[in-house]
Amino acid sequence: MVAEMALRREAFLDHVKERGEYGTVEEAERAARVVLALLGAHLVGEVRAQLAARLPEEFALILLNPLQSAEPLTPERFVRATAAWIEGATEQTATWDVSAVLSTVADAAGDDLLAQILLQLPAGYDLLFGRPQPT
């Protein structure tokens, strides 16, 4: 029996909705889809597979979509890319979207896997995941 069970879709979206203070589950889902697609483009190999295993299937598939980022985006550019994909978004609202989704992902991942995820990303993502790392 795996200790870290994948979150159910409803539970995952409820967390995102609550953290992002969205009016509807649809808004939370839109943010989750965009952020996970961008995150998936930055992660490779076993780390990406392990994280996918802890997400609801629909979101795991988005994370595993074979998009590869040409170059790793800095946290600022990741937020800008999110804003570009969400209709009517600004950098401020996109920062909120990214944090709502990634903090939920961090909870699903657990500390050990999150540490491995952060190793694959440029510096500064710890803040977007809501887990500031000691420097």
Foldseek 3Di string as FASTA:
>chain_A
DDPQQADAPVVLLVQLCVQLVPPDSVVLVQLLLLLLLLLLQQDDDPLLVLLLRNYHVVSNVSSPPPHHDPDADAPQVSLVSSQVSDPPRDSVSSLSSLLSNLLSSPVSQDDVSVVVSVVSHDPDCCVSNVHDDDD
